[in-house]
Protein backbone atom coordinates (compact mmCIF):
# COMPACT_ATOMS: atom_id res chain seq x y z
CA MET A 1 133.33 103.80 73.89
CA SER A 2 133.88 105.12 77.26
CA ALA A 3 132.22 102.88 80.20
CA VAL A 4 129.78 105.13 82.84
CA PRO A 5 130.46 104.69 85.80
CA ALA A 6 128.69 102.98 88.35
CA ASP A 7 127.79 105.77 90.96
CA ALA A 8 126.40 107.68 88.20
CA LEU A 9 124.39 104.94 87.30
CA VAL A 10 123.13 104.37 90.67
CA ALA A 11 122.59 108.08 90.95
CA ARG A 12 120.21 108.03 87.78
CA GLU A 13 118.47 105.40 88.84
CA THR A 14 118.07 107.10 92.24
CA GLY A 15 117.02 110.40 90.30
CA ALA A 16 114.66 108.16 88.25
CA ALA A 17 113.48 106.66 91.17
CA ARG A 18 112.47 109.72 93.01
CA PHE A 19 110.99 111.52 90.09
CA GLN A 20 108.25 108.31 89.49
CA LYS A 21 108.00 108.27 93.06
CA LEU A 22 107.16 112.06 93.04
CA PHE A 23 105.09 111.04 90.17
CA ARG A 24 102.95 108.59 91.68
CA THR A 25 101.80 110.81 95.15
CA THR A 26 98.50 111.78 96.17
CA ALA A 27 99.57 115.87 95.75
CA PHE A 28 101.11 115.58 92.55
CA LYS A 29 98.01 113.87 91.12
CA LEU A 30 95.48 116.14 92.76
CA SER A 31 97.75 118.98 91.17
CA LEU A 32 97.69 117.93 87.79
CA ALA A 33 93.34 117.29 88.54
CA TYR A 34 93.04 120.57 89.45
CA LEU A 35 95.04 121.96 87.11
CA ALA A 36 92.95 120.17 83.93
CA ILE A 37 90.16 121.70 85.70
CA PHE A 38 91.49 125.31 85.45
CA ALA A 39 92.70 124.75 82.16
CA LEU A 40 89.50 124.05 80.72
CA CYS A 41 87.88 127.08 82.72
CA ALA A 42 90.62 128.98 81.57
CA PHE A 43 89.89 127.58 78.24
CA LEU A 44 85.88 127.83 78.28
CA ALA A 45 86.73 131.56 79.89
CA LEU A 46 88.75 132.63 76.80
CA GLY A 47 86.68 131.38 74.21
CA TYR A 48 83.90 133.03 75.49
CA VAL A 49 85.36 136.09 75.13
CA ALA A 50 87.25 135.33 71.55
CA TRP A 51 83.57 134.47 70.37
CA ASN A 52 82.01 137.39 71.84
CA ALA A 53 84.46 139.97 70.51
CA ARG A 54 84.29 138.29 67.23
CA ALA A 55 80.39 138.95 67.34
CA VAL A 56 80.92 142.55 68.58
CA LEU A 57 83.21 142.98 65.40
CA ASP A 58 81.04 141.47 63.12
CA ASP A 59 78.08 143.57 64.62
CA GLN A 60 80.30 146.50 64.28
CA ILE A 61 81.11 145.95 60.54
CA VAL A 62 76.99 144.80 59.99
CA SER A 63 76.04 148.20 61.65
CA THR A 64 78.59 150.28 59.28
CA ILE A 65 77.25 148.43 56.34
CA ASP A 66 73.62 149.29 57.21
CA ALA A 67 74.76 152.82 57.69
CA GLU A 68 76.31 153.20 54.27
CA ILE A 69 73.26 151.73 52.52
CA ASN A 70 71.02 153.97 54.51
CA GLY A 71 72.67 157.04 53.20
CA LEU A 72 73.23 155.55 49.27
CA SER A 73 69.20 154.67 49.70
CA GLU A 74 68.56 158.53 50.12
CA GLN A 75 71.12 159.62 47.17
CA TYR A 76 69.53 156.62 45.12
CA ASN A 77 65.91 158.21 46.03
CA ALA A 78 66.94 161.70 45.64
CA GLY A 79 68.59 160.95 42.16
CA GLY A 80 68.26 157.91 40.66
CA LEU A 81 70.56 155.59 39.49
CA ARG A 82 73.28 158.01 37.98
CA ARG A 83 73.79 159.77 41.46
CA LEU A 84 74.17 156.83 42.69
CA ILE A 85 76.93 155.60 40.47
CA THR A 86 78.48 159.43 41.09
CA VAL A 87 78.30 158.65 44.93
CA VAL A 88 79.69 155.14 44.89
CA GLU A 89 82.36 156.19 42.21
CA ARG A 90 83.64 158.68 45.14
CA ARG A 91 83.32 156.98 47.89
CA SER A 92 85.18 154.37 46.10
CA ARG A 93 88.01 156.73 45.80
CA GLU A 94 88.10 157.21 49.68
CA PRO A 95 90.87 155.61 51.85
CA GLY A 96 89.44 153.12 54.47
CA ALA A 97 87.76 149.01 54.91
CA SER A 98 84.13 150.44 53.35
CA LEU A 99 83.41 148.12 49.77
CA TYR A 100 81.09 149.36 46.82
CA LEU A 101 80.62 148.23 43.48
CA VAL A 102 77.71 148.50 40.90
CA THR A 103 77.51 146.46 37.95
CA THR A 104 75.37 145.44 35.29
CA ALA A 105 72.96 143.07 34.85
CA GLY A 106 75.64 140.99 32.96
CA GLY A 107 78.22 141.40 35.87
CA ASP A 108 80.00 144.08 34.15
CA HIS A 109 82.18 146.56 36.12
CA VAL A 110 80.02 150.31 36.00
CA VAL A 111 82.06 151.84 39.45
CA GLY A 112 84.01 150.41 42.73
CA ASN A 113 86.51 149.69 44.27
CA VAL A 114 85.84 145.75 44.18
CA GLY A 115 88.07 144.60 41.15
CA TYR A 116 86.81 140.69 42.15
CA VAL A 117 84.08 139.29 43.82
CA PRO A 118 82.39 135.93 42.95
CA ALA A 119 79.34 135.68 40.54
CA ALA A 120 77.53 133.51 42.60
CA VAL A 121 77.64 136.33 45.24
CA LEU A 122 76.65 138.84 43.02
CA ALA A 123 73.74 136.95 41.87
CA THR A 124 72.53 136.27 45.19
CA PRO A 125 70.89 139.54 46.95
CA GLY A 126 71.46 139.65 50.55
CA GLN A 127 74.19 139.71 53.40
CA THR A 128 77.23 137.00 52.92
CA GLU A 129 80.95 136.82 54.22
CA THR A 130 83.34 136.34 51.01
CA ARG A 131 86.57 136.71 49.60
CA TYR A 132 87.06 139.08 46.67
CA GLY A 133 89.71 141.76 45.47
CA ARG A 134 90.63 145.00 44.72
CA ASN A 135 91.43 143.91 41.23
CA GLU A 136 91.59 140.73 38.90
CA SER A 137 95.13 140.17 40.15
CA ASP A 138 94.60 139.47 43.73
CA ALA A 139 91.24 137.50 43.56
CA GLU A 140 89.96 136.32 46.74
CA ALA A 141 93.32 137.77 48.85
CA HIS A 142 90.90 139.58 50.81
CA GLN A 143 87.66 139.01 53.04
CA ALA A 144 85.00 140.86 53.67
CA ILE A 145 81.45 140.73 54.66
CA VAL A 146 78.80 142.21 51.88
CA ARG A 147 75.18 142.61 51.10
CA VAL A 148 74.21 142.97 47.84
CA PHE A 149 70.55 144.69 46.49
CA THR A 150 69.27 144.75 42.63
CA LEU A 151 68.63 147.81 41.18
CA PRO A 152 66.02 148.58 38.05
CA GLY A 153 67.29 148.01 35.08
CA GLY A 154 69.35 144.56 36.56
CA PHE A 155 72.28 146.83 37.84
CA ARG A 156 73.57 145.41 41.08
CA LEU A 157 74.66 146.88 43.98
CA LEU A 158 77.57 145.62 46.27
CA VAL A 159 78.29 147.42 50.01
CA GLY A 160 80.92 146.18 52.46
CA ARG A 161 83.43 146.15 54.58
CA ASP A 162 87.01 144.20 54.79
CA THR A 163 87.63 142.12 57.63
CA GLU A 164 91.11 142.43 57.67
CA GLU A 165 90.80 144.12 61.31
CA ARG A 166 88.63 141.96 62.40
CA ASP A 167 90.94 139.07 61.51
CA ARG A 168 93.83 141.03 62.91
CA LEU A 169 92.00 140.94 66.59
CA ARG A 170 90.92 137.53 66.38
CA ALA A 171 94.82 136.74 65.70
CA VAL A 172 96.02 138.77 68.64
CA ILE A 173 93.41 136.94 70.74
CA GLY A 174 94.20 133.85 69.79
CA ARG A 175 97.81 134.04 70.47
CA ALA A 176 96.94 135.38 73.89
CA PHE A 177 94.53 132.92 74.50
CA LEU A 178 97.48 129.83 73.59
CA THR A 179 100.18 131.94 75.55
CA SER A 180 97.58 131.98 78.67
CA LEU A 181 97.16 128.00 78.36
CA ALA A 182 100.68 127.31 78.13
CA ALA A 183 101.21 129.39 81.04
CA VAL A 184 98.61 128.25 83.09
CA VAL A 185 99.91 124.61 82.65
CA LEU A 186 103.68 125.52 83.39
CA LEU A 187 102.58 127.17 86.32
CA GLY A 188 100.24 123.95 87.42
CA VAL A 189 102.94 121.78 86.78
CA ILE A 190 105.85 123.49 88.45
CA GLY A 191 103.32 123.95 91.54
CA GLY A 192 101.98 120.86 91.46
CA TRP A 193 106.13 119.25 91.52
CA LEU A 194 106.86 121.73 94.19
CA ALA A 195 103.87 121.09 96.31
CA ALA A 196 104.59 117.36 95.70
CA SER A 197 108.12 117.47 96.48
CA ARG A 198 107.32 119.30 99.96
CA VAL A 199 104.80 117.20 100.58
CA LEU A 200 107.09 113.90 99.56
CA ARG A 201 109.92 115.02 101.65
CA ARG A 202 107.87 114.91 104.70
CA VAL A 203 106.59 111.55 104.12
CA ASP A 204 110.03 110.36 103.77
CA ALA A 205 110.78 111.85 106.71
CA MET A 206 108.17 109.77 108.58
CA THR A 207 108.63 106.95 106.26
CA GLN A 208 112.50 107.24 107.96
CA THR A 209 111.19 107.59 111.24
CA THR A 210 108.74 104.84 111.19
CA ARG A 211 111.37 102.04 110.00
CA ALA A 212 113.64 103.45 112.62
CA ILE A 213 110.91 102.59 114.86
CA MET A 214 110.41 99.14 113.47
CA ALA A 215 114.12 98.53 113.87
CA GLY A 216 113.49 99.17 117.36
CA ASP A 217 114.02 102.59 118.40
CA LEU A 218 110.81 103.12 120.14
CA ASP A 219 111.70 106.65 121.44
CA ASP A 220 111.72 107.89 118.14
CA ARG A 221 108.53 110.29 116.99
CA LEU A 222 107.50 111.65 113.72
CA PRO A 223 108.28 115.05 112.62
CA VAL A 224 106.04 118.13 113.13
CA ALA A 225 106.50 121.24 111.12
CA GLY A 226 104.39 123.11 113.43
CA ASN A 227 101.90 124.85 110.74
CA GLY A 228 98.35 122.74 111.79
CA ASP A 229 98.21 121.15 108.37
CA GLU A 230 97.03 117.75 107.30
CA LEU A 231 100.10 115.73 108.19
CA ASP A 232 101.20 117.62 111.77
CA ARG A 233 97.56 116.63 112.82
CA LEU A 234 98.72 113.02 111.37
CA ALA A 235 101.89 112.94 112.91
CA SER A 236 100.28 114.17 116.26
CA SER A 237 97.95 111.72 116.83
CA LEU A 238 100.86 109.08 115.72
CA ASN A 239 102.87 110.20 118.09
CA LEU A 240 100.25 109.80 120.89
CA MET A 241 99.91 106.58 119.72
CA LEU A 242 103.14 105.93 119.56
CA GLU A 243 103.44 107.21 123.17
CA ARG A 244 100.90 105.27 124.44
CA ILE A 245 102.27 101.89 123.13
CA GLY A 246 105.67 103.01 124.20
CA GLU A 247 103.67 103.42 127.91
CA LEU A 248 101.85 99.97 127.26
CA MET A 249 105.68 98.61 126.20
CA ARG A 250 107.73 99.51 129.24
CA GLY A 251 104.75 98.08 131.38
CA MET A 252 105.26 94.67 129.61
CA ARG A 253 109.17 95.02 130.78
CA GLU A 254 108.12 96.55 134.21
CA VAL A 255 105.71 93.79 134.74
CA SER A 256 108.22 90.78 133.37
CA ASP A 257 110.61 92.61 135.95
CA ASN A 258 108.57 92.57 138.61
CA ILE A 259 106.35 89.22 138.47
CA ALA A 260 110.88 87.81 138.15
CA HIS A 261 111.64 89.57 141.57
CA ASP A 262 108.41 90.25 143.31
CA LEU A 263 106.66 87.26 142.96
CA LYS A 264 110.33 84.84 143.36
CA THR A 265 110.01 85.35 147.31
CA PRO A 266 106.24 84.02 147.72
CA LEU A 267 106.86 81.04 145.13
CA THR A 268 110.17 80.27 147.08
CA ARG A 269 108.26 80.55 150.44
CA LEU A 270 105.75 78.34 148.51
CA ARG A 271 107.93 75.98 147.70
CA ASN A 272 110.20 75.73 151.12
CA ARG A 273 106.76 75.40 152.70
CA ALA A 274 105.66 72.22 150.94
CA ASP A 275 109.54 70.88 151.56
CA GLU A 276 109.42 71.69 155.06
CA ALA A 277 106.10 69.37 155.29
CA LEU A 278 107.06 66.66 153.65
CA ARG A 279 110.88 66.70 155.68
CA ARG A 280 109.13 67.60 158.85
CA ALA A 281 104.91 66.87 159.26
CA SER A 282 104.86 63.72 161.29
CA THR A 283 101.08 63.68 162.08
CA PRO A 284 98.07 64.63 159.94
CA GLU A 285 97.09 67.90 161.82
CA GLU A 286 100.74 69.07 160.74
CA LEU A 287 100.59 67.66 157.02
CA ARG A 288 97.19 69.56 157.10
CA ALA A 289 98.41 72.86 158.80
CA ALA A 290 101.46 72.58 155.66
CA LEU A 291 98.62 72.37 153.25
CA GLU A 292 96.93 74.85 154.56
CA ALA A 293 99.64 77.46 154.60
CA VAL A 294 100.64 76.22 150.90
CA ILE A 295 97.08 76.93 149.90
CA ASP A 296 96.89 80.25 151.32
CA GLU A 297 100.13 81.30 149.65
CA GLY A 298 98.54 79.81 146.60
CA ASP A 299 95.47 81.90 146.69
CA GLY A 300 97.72 84.98 147.53
CA LEU A 301 99.75 84.39 144.47
CA ILE A 302 96.36 83.47 142.13
CA ARG A 303 95.01 86.47 143.32
CA VAL A 304 98.03 88.60 142.28
CA PHE A 305 98.22 87.13 138.86
CA ASN A 306 94.22 87.70 138.76
CA ALA A 307 95.02 91.62 139.35
CA LEU A 308 97.35 91.43 136.35
CA LEU A 309 95.08 90.18 134.37
CA MET A 310 92.62 92.61 135.24
CA ILE A 311 94.84 95.47 134.68
CA ALA A 312 95.85 93.85 131.69
CA ARG A 313 92.09 94.08 130.20
CA LEU A 314 91.55 97.34 131.37
CA GLU A 315 94.09 98.88 129.53
CA ALA A 316 93.86 97.46 126.11
CA GLY A 317 89.89 98.81 126.65
CA SER A 318 88.35 95.20 126.55
CA ALA A 319 85.93 96.14 129.38
CA ARG A 320 84.12 99.26 127.72
CA GLU A 321 81.47 97.58 126.40
CA MET A 322 80.62 97.18 129.98
CA LEU A 323 79.89 101.07 130.26
CA GLY A 324 76.32 101.58 131.24
CA PRO A 325 74.72 104.24 133.13
CA LEU A 326 75.62 104.26 137.11
CA ASP A 327 74.40 106.42 140.14
CA ILE A 328 77.34 106.43 141.99
CA GLY A 329 76.12 107.87 144.77
CA GLN A 330 74.39 104.21 145.50
CA THR A 331 77.50 102.34 144.33
CA VAL A 332 80.00 104.97 147.12
CA ARG A 333 77.18 104.03 149.59
CA SER A 334 76.54 100.24 149.23
CA VAL A 335 80.98 100.36 149.60
CA GLY A 336 80.63 102.22 152.95
CA GLU A 337 78.37 100.29 154.39
CA LEU A 338 80.35 97.31 153.35
CA TYR A 339 83.20 98.59 154.85
CA GLU A 340 81.46 100.07 158.04
CA ALA A 341 82.20 97.00 160.04
CA VAL A 342 85.96 96.31 158.94
CA ALA A 343 86.66 100.07 160.20
CA GLU A 344 85.12 99.42 163.47
CA ASP A 345 87.11 96.11 163.89
CA GLN A 346 90.23 98.12 163.24
CA GLY A 347 89.22 101.11 165.42
CA LEU A 348 88.41 103.73 163.12
CA THR A 349 85.63 105.25 161.67
CA LEU A 350 84.44 105.56 158.03
CA ALA A 351 82.59 109.02 157.35
CA VAL A 352 80.51 108.25 154.17
CA ARG A 353 79.28 111.72 152.36
CA ALA A 354 77.37 111.27 148.61
CA GLN A 355 75.45 113.55 146.96
CA ASP A 356 72.22 112.23 144.88
CA ASP A 357 71.73 111.89 141.14
CA LEU A 358 75.24 111.44 140.31
CA THR A 359 74.61 109.51 136.95
CA ILE A 360 77.96 108.55 134.89
CA ALA A 361 78.79 105.82 131.91
CA GLY A 362 80.60 103.38 134.16
CA ASN A 363 80.60 99.87 135.28
CA ARG A 364 79.98 99.33 139.01
CA GLU A 365 81.51 96.12 139.43
CA LEU A 366 84.92 97.92 138.00
CA ILE A 367 83.99 101.31 140.28
CA GLY A 368 83.37 99.34 143.22
CA GLN A 369 86.40 97.44 143.42
CA ALA A 370 88.43 100.58 142.52
CA LEU A 371 87.08 102.29 145.73
CA ALA A 372 87.56 98.89 147.76
CA ASN A 373 91.03 99.41 147.23
CA LEU A 374 91.45 102.60 148.29
CA ILE A 375 89.39 102.08 151.19
CA ASP A 376 91.48 99.28 151.86
CA ASN A 377 94.52 101.16 151.87
CA ALA A 378 93.02 103.77 153.77
CA LEU A 379 91.90 101.35 156.64
CA LYS A 380 95.24 99.87 156.66
CA TYR A 381 97.38 102.82 157.05
CA GLY A 382 94.75 105.11 158.42
CA ALA A 383 95.09 102.24 161.52
CA GLU A 384 98.15 104.35 162.45
CA SER A 385 96.62 107.74 163.37
CA ALA A 386 95.27 108.23 167.13
CA GLY A 387 92.59 110.61 168.46
CA ALA A 388 90.07 112.35 166.39
CA GLU A 389 92.16 111.77 163.17
CA ALA A 390 91.92 107.94 163.60
CA SER A 391 88.95 108.26 160.44
CA VAL A 392 88.47 107.31 156.79
CA THR A 393 86.45 109.41 154.86
CA LEU A 394 84.47 108.32 151.64
CA GLU A 395 83.06 111.40 149.41
CA ALA A 396 81.13 111.66 145.98
CA TRP A 397 79.82 115.07 144.62
CA ARG A 398 79.72 116.92 141.32
CA ASP A 399 81.81 119.86 140.33
CA GLY A 400 80.24 120.94 137.09
CA GLU A 401 80.35 118.22 134.26
CA THR A 402 82.34 116.46 136.62
CA ILE A 403 81.93 113.66 139.17
CA ARG A 404 84.53 113.77 142.08
CA LEU A 405 85.21 110.94 143.88
CA ALA A 406 87.69 111.03 147.22
CA VAL A 407 89.26 108.91 149.72
CA SER A 408 91.15 110.31 152.88
CA ASP A 409 93.04 109.16 155.57
CA HIS A 410 95.39 110.37 158.09
CA GLY A 411 98.09 107.80 157.85
CA PRO A 412 101.79 108.20 156.87
CA GLY A 413 100.69 109.19 153.19
CA ILE A 414 103.11 109.37 150.29
CA PRO A 415 105.63 111.80 149.36
CA GLU A 416 104.74 114.23 146.76
CA ALA A 417 108.05 112.93 144.73
CA GLU A 418 106.76 109.25 144.71
CA ARG A 419 102.89 109.84 143.84
CA ALA A 420 103.32 109.66 140.20
CA ARG A 421 105.19 106.28 140.90
CA VAL A 422 103.18 104.68 143.22
CA LEU A 423 100.76 104.25 140.15
CA GLY A 424 102.84 101.57 138.55
CA ARG A 425 102.61 98.07 138.97
CA PHE A 426 104.03 96.17 142.01
CA VAL A 427 105.82 99.71 143.30
CA ARG A 428 105.95 99.79 147.01
CA LEU A 429 107.85 101.94 148.88
CA GLU A 430 110.59 101.29 151.93
CA ASP A 431 107.74 101.58 155.04
CA ALA A 432 105.44 99.73 153.45
CA ARG A 433 107.47 96.47 152.22
CA SER A 434 107.60 95.14 155.92
CA ARG A 435 103.21 94.97 155.27
CA PRO A 436 101.48 92.49 153.09
CA GLY A 437 100.71 92.95 149.64
CA PHE A 438 101.92 93.35 145.93
CA GLY A 439 101.86 96.90 145.09
CA LEU A 440 98.91 96.02 142.47
CA GLY A 441 96.08 98.56 144.62
CA LEU A 442 96.44 102.21 143.03
CA SER A 443 97.56 100.34 139.70
CA LEU A 444 94.38 98.77 139.37
CA VAL A 445 92.70 101.61 140.49
CA ASN A 446 94.53 104.09 137.86
CA ALA A 447 93.16 101.57 135.22
CA VAL A 448 89.70 101.55 135.95
CA VAL A 449 90.15 105.31 136.02
CA ARG A 450 91.55 105.94 132.81
CA LEU A 451 88.95 103.00 131.26
CA HIS A 452 86.41 105.42 132.35
CA HIS A 453 87.63 108.83 130.67
CA GLY A 454 88.97 109.72 134.09
CA THR A 455 91.56 111.33 135.64
CA LEU A 456 93.43 110.31 139.53
CA ARG A 457 95.47 112.41 141.46
CA LEU A 458 96.80 111.91 145.09
CA PHE A 459 97.05 114.73 147.37
CA ASP A 460 98.70 115.62 151.39
CA ASN A 461 95.56 115.05 153.32
CA ALA A 462 97.70 116.98 156.22
CA PRO A 463 98.77 114.15 157.25
CA GLY A 464 97.41 111.33 155.80
CA LEU A 465 97.02 110.67 151.98
CA ARG A 466 93.61 111.92 150.00
CA VAL A 467 93.16 110.12 146.51
CA GLU A 468 90.85 112.14 144.05
CA ILE A 469 89.49 110.73 141.47
CA GLY A 470 87.49 112.80 138.52
CA LEU A 471 85.28 110.89 136.03
CA PRO A 472 82.96 112.55 133.53
CA ALA A 473 79.22 113.21 134.31
CA SER A 474 76.59 112.34 132.04
CA PRO A 475 72.65 113.07 132.30
CA ARG A 476 70.38 110.54 133.61
CA PRO A 477 68.08 108.41 131.53
CA GLN A 478 64.40 109.89 131.13
CA THR A 479 61.75 108.95 130.23
CA GLU A 480 58.94 110.46 127.89
CA ALA A 481 57.31 112.30 130.57
CA GLY A 482 60.77 113.23 131.73
CA ASP A 483 60.99 111.41 134.82
CA ILE A 484 64.11 109.83 136.05
CA LEU A 485 64.72 105.91 135.48
CA PRO A 486 65.76 104.32 138.60
CA ALA A 487 69.34 103.09 138.96
CA PRO A 488 69.59 99.77 137.67
CA ALA A 489 70.23 97.37 140.83
CA SER A 490 72.77 94.85 141.13
CA GLY A 491 74.99 93.19 144.25
CA ASP A 492 77.55 94.75 145.99
CA PRO A 493 81.16 95.24 145.12
CA VAL A 494 83.23 92.27 146.81
CA PRO A 495 86.39 94.00 148.32
CA ALA A 496 89.37 93.95 146.85
CA SER A 497 92.33 91.56 148.06
CA PRO A 498 95.27 93.80 146.27
CA SER A 499 97.13 95.84 149.22
CA ARG A 500 98.34 99.39 148.93
CA ALA A 501 100.98 99.72 146.30
CA SER A 502 103.18 102.05 148.27
């Protein structure tokens, strides 16, 4: 006996496993379920048609028998038993499916084309379906519907109709019924197999992609067929999720790299100052000054880590439960009042223009923090302008279903090619590296805006920079009488310490 090659066994096992997986798919099971329902409906429909066809044929046979009986009754009434026998003898010789028989009271044959019929049928007047024979040799070889009458003198009259045509039509309908069911089942199984195979191929492709992603290829995406079905919608949603996860992973790598590079300098400076204080400070005043410098450096690092933690928390959406009805116009005016004195100290003017009844679903502290960061950056860089342009503008207005906030300055601005990049963590442009800060301000603003389902865009203010925030508007809460409730009171937001991210 020859051995089966190992490759053939593997192929068989793979094919068997694939068929098992195919039969376990939801698409195949649904196809079988639909097939069973459709086959049941077809069975009931065809059965109803067959039953009605038989009923119609039986009614036709009975109608024919009634017509025969009416004719024979007229003949009997006109000429009595002798004439009835004559007419029955004549009709019995005519070809067709009609049956006639006249017997004596003892069951002896008088005239007719029926050679045999059960005695119990002749003894019971009325209509019945029975077996009969044209002669004694083919007794009970045929089926017929007959009606028996008792005549004067004990004579019996049988009038009937052979059901061979009815039975033949029933057989044709039965074969069509079985053939149709077999075709339905066969086509249903083939259709289910094709549908399940198509779905299985797409699911297998998705599975391979997810395994590649789990293996580390985070740039791979699930295939989309483009026909807009439920698998396409699922793949598109998962691709969006993977894109967001990829952004977070890239952000984590960037944060790790940036912490390693950008925080190395302040940590080194902190260590050097502490070392210098140990080596050179000889008086309590010098030690105190050195400790204060170390504390300042430590406070700056703490603010950086607090900003990083805040950005991570906002991007994770953990602060979303803190959102509620907020009159953002009032928040804008409060932040503007807080920074007016700061602007005057730097020789700038801060113009605040805010409409009333600008209600959103938001958090006052987070929105205030974002605006404070933008104003702080605008004041820092707007101080470089001169004359009438030495001003910063803070605006809030309604634009359809959107509440827009804008902070404009007349500083050096940000090149258009760098405007998307400066929203990242620790990103600073070359002309800003000599200024204090770590490049987290715009990154924090972007995280706050995304938490509020808004948009953040940077424009050229010719000269300077214009930062515009778009937030979805929401109707202000109302009482039963329709009066607008007052906005909840809260303290003024604290100005942000992180510097401009440029």
